[in-house]
Amino acid sequence: MAIYALGDRTPTIHPEAFVHPDAVVIGEVELGSEASVWPGAVLRGDYGTISIGSRTSVQDGAVIHATAELSTVIGAECVIGHLAHLEGCVVEDRCLIGSGSIVLHRVTVRTGALVGAGAVVSGGTEVPSRALALGVPATIRTDAVHENAFDENVAMYVANGHRYRGELRRLD
């Protein structure tokens, strides 16, 4: 696995989390119970802190970074889509950040919200609970996401993390 300390910045990975061998975790990164980090994802806590909550999946190719001034905090039971980029933002619990989206500095994505695939959420934006953020730059549609909308996705990635931890083997 590509898990690195950088000086005194050391990852804290819960024993029930799954980090794919082809993911990269560097520095001050915390992964909660049953969190999963998939191939090609990069979590780089070299300047600031990254916190990933329990049962959250960070999918293939996602990039998560923080600055010295702005931590990146992702809550529990979130789905961070393929190729998403998050930096210096807060994503509360039970959110979905769509594939290829960008969530920038000082953005807050409130509980149960969805950032659509390919959206760019500009710095300082707040996406309210159960809202949908779509487009470039993202526009907000309030009350567009029903409660528990992402439960199936969360459960699937938790199960997949368990499966991979038990069954993944490299064939050379």
Protein backbone atom coordinates (compact mmCIF):
# COMPACT_ATOMS: atom_id res chain seq x y z
CA MET A 1 0.00 0.00 0.00
CA ALA A 2 1.20 3.52 -0.73
CA ILE A 3 0.72 5.02 2.72
CA TYR A 4 3.31 7.59 3.74
CA ALA A 5 4.25 9.75 6.70
CA LEU A 6 5.69 13.14 5.78
CA GLY A 7 7.86 14.43 8.60
CA ASP A 8 5.64 14.38 11.68
CA ARG A 9 2.43 14.18 9.61
CA THR A 10 1.24 10.58 9.83
CA PRO A 11 -1.95 8.95 8.54
CA THR A 12 -4.40 7.45 11.04
CA ILE A 13 -6.30 4.62 9.36
CA HIS A 14 -8.97 2.72 11.24
CA PRO A 15 -8.30 -1.05 11.15
CA GLU A 16 -11.69 -1.62 9.48
CA ALA A 17 -11.00 0.88 6.68
CA PHE A 18 -9.90 -0.35 3.26
CA VAL A 19 -7.20 1.40 1.24
CA HIS A 20 -6.57 -0.15 -2.16
CA PRO A 21 -2.87 -0.88 -2.83
CA ASP A 22 -2.90 1.52 -5.80
CA ALA A 23 -4.28 4.46 -3.81
CA VAL A 24 -1.93 7.02 -2.23
CA VAL A 25 -2.36 8.37 1.29
CA ILE A 26 0.22 10.91 2.46
CA GLY A 27 0.59 12.84 5.70
CA GLU A 28 -2.12 13.97 8.08
CA VAL A 29 -5.05 11.91 6.82
CA GLU A 30 -7.61 10.24 9.07
CA LEU A 31 -9.84 7.43 7.77
CA GLY A 32 -12.82 6.25 9.81
CA SER A 33 -14.23 2.77 10.29
CA GLU A 34 -15.32 1.04 7.08
CA ALA A 35 -14.16 3.98 4.95
CA SER A 36 -12.74 2.94 1.59
CA VAL A 37 -10.20 4.49 -0.76
CA TRP A 38 -10.09 3.05 -4.29
CA PRO A 39 -7.42 2.70 -7.04
CA GLY A 40 -5.76 5.89 -8.20
CA ALA A 41 -7.24 8.06 -5.44
CA VAL A 42 -4.78 10.48 -3.84
CA LEU A 43 -5.30 11.89 -0.34
CA ARG A 44 -2.48 14.32 0.32
CA GLY A 45 -2.34 15.78 3.82
CA ASP A 46 1.05 17.40 3.39
CA TYR A 47 0.12 20.96 4.42
CA GLY A 48 -3.20 20.49 6.19
CA THR A 49 -5.46 17.83 7.63
CA ILE A 50 -7.83 15.55 5.74
CA SER A 51 -10.53 13.74 7.68
CA ILE A 52 -12.73 11.05 6.12
CA GLY A 53 -15.67 9.76 8.18
CA SER A 54 -16.84 6.21 8.71
CA ARG A 55 -18.48 4.33 5.85
CA THR A 56 -17.39 6.96 3.30
CA SER A 57 -15.98 5.87 -0.06
CA VAL A 58 -13.38 7.83 -2.01
CA GLN A 59 -13.60 6.37 -5.48
CA ASP A 60 -11.08 5.79 -8.25
CA GLY A 61 -8.96 8.75 -9.27
CA ALA A 62 -10.37 11.20 -6.71
CA VAL A 63 -7.97 13.85 -5.43
CA ILE A 64 -8.37 15.22 -1.92
CA HIS A 65 -6.01 17.91 -0.65
CA ALA A 66 -5.91 20.52 2.11
CA THR A 67 -4.06 23.77 2.60
CA ALA A 68 -2.14 24.96 5.65
CA GLU A 69 -5.12 27.18 6.50
CA LEU A 70 -8.01 24.98 5.34
CA SER A 71 -8.56 21.37 6.35
CA THR A 72 -10.68 19.12 4.17
CA VAL A 73 -13.35 17.38 6.21
CA ILE A 74 -15.64 14.74 4.76
CA GLY A 75 -18.29 13.29 7.04
CA ALA A 76 -19.70 9.81 7.50
CA GLU A 77 -21.61 7.81 4.88
CA CYS A 78 -20.57 9.94 1.92
CA VAL A 79 -19.81 8.88 -1.62
CA ILE A 80 -16.97 10.77 -3.30
CA GLY A 81 -17.25 9.95 -6.99
CA HIS A 82 -14.64 8.94 -9.52
CA LEU A 83 -12.17 11.71 -10.45
CA ALA A 84 -13.68 14.25 -8.01
CA HIS A 85 -11.37 16.95 -6.63
CA LEU A 86 -11.94 18.36 -3.14
CA GLU A 87 -9.72 20.91 -1.43
CA GLY A 88 -10.14 23.01 1.70
CA CYS A 89 -13.84 22.25 2.00
CA VAL A 90 -16.32 20.64 4.39
CA VAL A 91 -18.69 17.90 3.26
CA GLU A 92 -21.09 16.94 6.01
CA ASP A 93 -22.59 13.47 6.54
CA ARG A 94 -24.56 11.48 3.95
CA CYS A 95 -23.59 13.49 0.86
CA LEU A 96 -22.76 12.46 -2.68
CA ILE A 97 -20.05 14.30 -4.59
CA GLY A 98 -20.45 13.31 -8.24
CA SER A 99 -17.83 12.00 -10.62
CA GLY A 100 -15.51 14.62 -12.06
CA SER A 101 -16.81 17.40 -9.83
CA ILE A 102 -14.65 20.05 -8.16
CA VAL A 103 -15.38 21.37 -4.67
CA LEU A 104 -13.14 24.33 -3.81
CA HIS A 105 -11.89 26.29 -0.80
CA ARG A 106 -14.32 27.27 1.95
CA VAL A 107 -17.23 25.38 0.39
CA THR A 108 -19.63 23.69 2.79
CA VAL A 109 -21.82 20.88 1.47
CA ARG A 110 -24.51 20.31 4.09
CA THR A 111 -25.95 16.96 5.19
CA GLY A 112 -27.76 15.01 2.50
CA ALA A 113 -26.77 17.28 -0.40
CA LEU A 114 -25.60 16.18 -3.84
CA VAL A 115 -22.96 17.80 -6.04
CA GLY A 116 -23.66 16.60 -9.58
CA ALA A 117 -21.14 15.00 -11.90
CA GLY A 118 -18.84 17.56 -13.48
CA ALA A 119 -20.08 20.44 -11.31
CA VAL A 120 -17.68 23.12 -10.08
CA VAL A 121 -18.65 24.48 -6.68
CA SER A 122 -16.89 27.85 -6.37
CA GLY A 123 -15.04 28.92 -3.25
CA GLY A 124 -17.18 30.07 -0.33
CA THR A 125 -20.41 28.48 -1.59
CA GLU A 126 -22.79 26.72 0.79
CA VAL A 127 -24.84 23.86 -0.61
CA PRO A 128 -27.83 23.51 1.75
CA SER A 129 -29.03 20.19 3.17
CA ARG A 130 -30.83 18.05 0.58
CA ALA A 131 -29.93 20.50 -2.20
CA LEU A 132 -28.54 19.68 -5.61
CA ALA A 133 -25.55 21.60 -7.02
CA LEU A 134 -25.23 21.33 -10.81
CA GLY A 135 -23.20 22.95 -13.56
CA VAL A 136 -20.17 25.18 -14.05
CA PRO A 137 -20.27 27.23 -11.94
CA ALA A 138 -22.70 25.20 -9.85
CA THR A 139 -26.20 26.49 -9.32
CA ILE A 140 -28.24 25.28 -6.36
CA ARG A 141 -31.64 23.60 -6.42
CA THR A 142 -33.02 23.38 -2.91
CA ASP A 143 -34.97 20.41 -1.54
CA ALA A 144 -34.12 18.34 -4.63
CA VAL A 145 -32.60 15.30 -2.88
CA HIS A 146 -34.80 12.93 -0.92
CA GLU A 147 -33.73 11.66 2.48
CA ASN A 148 -31.64 8.46 2.42
CA ALA A 149 -31.00 8.90 -1.31
CA PHE A 150 -27.46 7.53 -1.07
CA ASP A 151 -28.00 4.61 1.34
CA GLU A 152 -27.66 1.99 -1.40
CA ASN A 153 -24.41 3.49 -2.71
CA VAL A 154 -22.92 3.73 0.79
CA ALA A 155 -23.87 0.12 1.63
CA MET A 156 -22.48 -1.13 -1.69
CA TYR A 157 -19.07 0.47 -1.10
CA VAL A 158 -18.90 -0.73 2.52
CA ALA A 159 -19.62 -4.27 1.31
CA ASN A 160 -17.10 -3.87 -1.52
CA GLY A 161 -14.43 -2.75 0.96
CA HIS A 162 -15.05 -5.89 3.05
CA ARG A 163 -14.93 -8.06 -0.07
CA TYR A 164 -11.68 -6.53 -1.31
CA ARG A 165 -10.04 -6.76 2.12
CA GLY A 166 -10.79 -10.50 2.13
CA GLU A 167 -10.44 -11.48 -1.53
CA LEU A 168 -8.10 -9.09 -3.39
CA ARG A 169 -4.86 -10.67 -4.48
CA ARG A 170 -2.29 -9.47 -6.94
CA LEU A 171 -1.47 -11.62 -9.96
CA ASP A 172 1.93 -10.88 -11.47
